[in-house]
Amino acid sequence: EFPSDCPESGFLNLNGRYKVTRQINVTRACHLIAVPGTEIRLYEQIFFQADATFSGSWTFIGVDHVGAQARCVDVEGEARFLNATAHFTNCGGPSTEDGGGLYAEKSLVIQESQLEFRECEAIFGGSIFVQRGLYLSKSHLSVFDSKAEEFGGGIHVGRFDVDNRSAATLRNCVAAQGGGGGIVVSNGTMISDGHISLSHCVSAEGGGIALLGSQAHFLQRQGSIEVRQSRSRSAQGGCIHVDSKFEQLVDGVVILDGCATAMGAGGGLSARELNQNGTLQITDATAIDGGAIFVETTARIAGRVMTRNTTAEAYGGSIRAEMMLLLSGELRIRDSSAYYSGGALHFTSMKVAGGVVDIQNSSAMESGGAIHVNLLFSQSGGRMIIQDAKARWGGAIRSFWFGQKAGSITVRRCHSDVPDRAPGMGGGLNLLGGLFQGQDGVMYFEDVWTSRNGGAIASTFIVSRGNMTFKDVHAREEGGAVFLHKHRSTVGPKQKRFKETMEKLTEDAVEYALGGKAIRGYGVYSSDYLALPESRHVFQKCTASLGGAIHAAGAVRMKGHVEFRDVMATTVRGGAAVTSWLMTLDKPVTIINASVPNGGVFCMQRAFRASMMTFINATAPQIQCATRIRITDVSVTGTTASLMAPTRKIQRLTCDNGLEGYLDTMETGCHRCRPGFFQLQGGPEIRNDNQVSGHLCIQAPQGSEQIDQILQIRPGFMVARSNLSTSLRCPNVMACPGGQLMADQGVRDMCEHGYEGHGCVNCQKSSHGRVTNNPFACAACAERPFRKVFQWTWFILQNSGIFAISASGVLMVEQESYKSTILTNQLMSYVTVSLPVLTAVMYSQTFRNTAEIVQEILHTLQIPVEIADSGGGEGLSVQCLLGYIGLKKTLYGTDVVFAATALCLMAILGWLVDFWSAVVVGFNCFLPRICFCLGRHLVCYRMLPQAQGGEMVCGFEEDAHIPKPMACVMMVVCFVVGAGMWAVLLRYRGESSSPGVMYLTNAYTKECRMWEITVLLRKMALMAVNAILPVTLHASMQMECISVILLISLVMNHRCAPYVSKAWNNGESVLLVLALATVSLTSCYKANELDWSRSATNQKVMMIIIILMATGPAVILGIQITIALYRELTEEVPAAPAESKEPKAD
């Protein structure tokens, strides 16, 4: 049996197992010491009438209680556990009044001890009831599976202190009808410096911890408190409830998880007042109001508050309070929702003085997807971020007044659109009163929208001295970024003092946000948008049916910087940027990319006034007013301009190049030219409403096509800067590639690189020169010295080579006429046809469209023709050669070069042989080329059709001083002298032994001994035709003339058979037929170039055939000449007999 009383010494030592079958009354203060293994089985309680101190190891087990209280230990004085380990099991019962395991009338002190209570029960304090205070010092207290019918399912105390080296753990504790499922502190203080952990506790109020009474004070100075999976069935505080003040210092940590209150407020924490400086983390909490936290009066936050996945069935998905004051620290809320308002926060007033407010993914069915403030939201510092929030009224924030003195607010991906609900307003902010913003305030809205009005802000008025940026904001109806509506008189009470109250609150807001500075021209609830001089507002990618950026029922006054970019109104009512009653802009404003189907970018019901405006790609009309417009300077680029009002005072309007200014009774602007007309000579300018300067629209030139502000010039045409209405035709189509004339680029050079002048007929003197074989073609001159030397060398060798081959026939003329001489003459005759044919092909669009590698191959094939020609070839410019040695690039200069070259070579041959031999070979090689040079001075062309008054132009600028008759006379002299001197030579010196005479006659029969003169005349005629009728200008006429000459030559050759050898006659006929066929095919090719139904493949095949026909015979003849020369130089050929002059066959 347990001792009946404590010894007089005051110490009671126990060892072993004891049974208490009747109530033990200990009358004096006692210190009980138990050795390990001491076990006490209680059928009745142990009653200490005075103080009791326990040490050692204790085990209390309640068994079949029959006493009135049925508790295990009752201490009417102060209970102390010193260096003790105590286990209380199955103590108390439904009839136990208080403290099923331990009752202390005064205080309970646990020092350096461990106490554990299991399965204890009472009406108050299922395991422990302490009338005064419970103090834990360097100890651990555990309560499991404890139950109370009323308050304190685990512990019921008047005060609870836990030092920094102590811990308390409570699990599965229930207070059936009262508060504090785990711990209840009655009208006292709870001070926690250690670790307190509660889980799966349930009560009617304060599922984990409840501090009840007007003196209740929760103070956490350090350590941690964790409450998990606890709930309140009918009242406040799913995990913690404090009737008075909850205070947390910097080093404290509170973690609440899985808390809920079914019918009350504060799913995680509820208190009358909150002063938070440490760390408070709440997850998975649910309540009627304040899913995570409910505060009846003021919540002051200076620490870290984090909530996640919290829900309120009415207001404040995460926090609801009368007033919120964020001084510093962090408030981070994730995944919160409320059925009615305040998806994350719901207050009567809220002030952010510092720190960070970060709210993501919150929603409310009615108002304030993230924050709902009944009266005034104010910010004087810190940073706010609201993302992914939605509600019917105010996707992010709903408030009456909104005042921002400093700090920043960022709203992203928020909207005011709730399924199955009528559309609301304000995708970001919905303000029943108005918004005030101080100079240091910053507001940023991105990807915010509404299904009705006010994509970012819906308010009664806005007064701003700070920065606002709106990006990707949209409204289905009015005000893509801002919607300012008229004040609703039905909002708030209708008492007489209501107006006075509203005005006083407005004055307070002005004092707070704007520093008390007077606002001129502004009245309460005037539906105005007032941006003061220090402000900076940017509207980017804003869209609405009406008022893409701003829709205001009152006035819009912008005194600071404002910019509109990518704004749009989707209906014909207009207002891509702003629609309002009236608008004033004091500083320069830029509007970029504004569009509206049919209406103004700015639409005013009354007046519009601005200082300087710049419209870039903003559709017309830019401004539309019902009464008057007054603007100092406005610039419109990218579109037409239109400023519409009955009364207009516009000091200066400038428009794009390509437009024409106009004035009428209702409109000032610039419009596009009517169809068939254009204007590219400079943008118009209108000054002082009546002075229109700039060029008028002129008729589009022939050969052009106008698409919007682009004038497309077809290839072969060019437009001169001096007269844009007239298009000039280019003699060389390839020199005029056509192109586009655009209003924003003005009139550009219409010639291909290297060409210049009217019709692009001149070459750029600094870098190009005319090619030898086409007076209308230019070639680039060499820049490096090596290339210059090479071109001079090539020119000299080319002219000397063909002369040397011809001269060889003169040097060896004592013998029978050599085959090489005949072949050389035939080659020179054939290339006079090949050259114009190749030129015609090279200057065609098909050739230009061919791949570069194919062009290189085709250019290579014509090298033999260029070698056989004495002019230098298509790619060589003798004018460039003149420029290399510092001479002027002129046509007559090239004539002198050719003449000097011929005279020098003739002089050398005359010195080696005789005069007449030099005349024969020189005329044969160079006289056709001289005719070509003279023919270039006789080229005539028109740049306009004769029916349109086009004048005939002959010659070129660089030879304008040479009289045209002189060139004609000189060409006639060439024909007469060339043919005449050969005729005189053959007639009067025909029997002479001169090598020149023998060179002309040895190959022909006696009847045709002057046949070589016809060959010379044919070559001269072909070259003259090639020069006077260039293929780039008169392709058909040139081919036709060449065909006639070749046909006559073919008929004469067939009739006369002039060669002594039948094979030579046949060869000559074959070459003439090939030449005639090549010319005919070229005529077909050039005609087909202009046919719309042509096939590109057929043209390319035809082009290749022509080039092969023009160059193939020249290549074959060149090979034959080389072989013949080799044989003639290495083999001795016997002299021809006299009868060799008769016709004979091979």
Foldseek 3Di string as FASTA:
>chain_A
DPDQEADPVQEAEDEEEEEACDEREYEDRHEYEYEPPYEYEYLEEHEYAEEYEYAYEYEYEYDNHDDQQQAHYEHAYEYEYENYEYEAEQFTDARHAEARHYEYNAEYEYENYEYEYENAEHQYARHYEYEAEYEYYLYEYEYEQAEHQAYAQHYEHQEYEYAANYEYEYENGEHEEYDASHYEHELHEYEYNHEYEYENAEYQEQRHYEYDDPNYEYEYEAYEYEYEQAQHEAEDAQHYETAAEYEYAAHYYYEYENFEYEHYEARHYEYQEYHERYEYEYENAEYQEARHYEYAAEHEYAEHYEYEQGEHAAYAQHYEYAEYEYQEYEAEYYNTEYAAEAQHYEYQEYEYEEYEYHYEQGEYAAYAQHYEHEEEYEYEEYEYEYENGEYQAARHYEYAEYFYQAYEYEYEQFENDDPPDDHHEARHYEYLFEYEAEAHYEYEYEQAETAAEARHYEHLEYEYLYEYEYENAEYAAYASHYEHDAHDPVPDDDDPCPVVVVVVVVQVSCCRRYVNDDDPPDDTSQQEYHHAANYAYEYEQAEYQAASHYETAAEYEANYEYEAYNFEHEHQQEQSHYEYQEYEAEDEYEHYNGDYPHYEVYEHAAEYEYEEYEYHNHEPAPAEYAAEYEYEYYEYEDYWYKHFHQYYFYAKYWYFFWWFWDADRTIGITHHDDPQWTGQPGIWMDGGRPDIDDDDIDGAEPQWDDDPQKIWHAQQWDADPVDRRYIFGALQSQQFRTGIAGNNVGHDARTDPQFDDGSSQHGDQVFWAAFQQFSRDIAGFDDDPVVLVVLVVLLLCLLVVLLVQCLVQLVPLQFFRFPLNLLLLLLLLLLLLLQLLVVLLCRAVLLVPDDPVVNVVLVVLCVLSLSSANRRDGNHGVLSNCVVVPHHRALVVSLVVLVVSLVVSLVVSCVVANNLLSLLSSLSRRLLSNLLSLLLQAAWDWRDDVVVVTDIDGGDDRVPVDDNVVSVVVSVCSLCVSLVVLVCCCPVVVVPPGSNNSSQASFFAPVVSSVVNLSSVLSNQSSSLCNRQPCSRRVLVSLVSNLVSLVVVLVCLVVCVTGLENVSSVVSNVSSVLSNVLSVLSNVLVVLSPDPPDDSVVSVVSSVVSSCSSSVVSVVSVVVSVVSVVCPVPDDDHHDDPVSSHRDYD
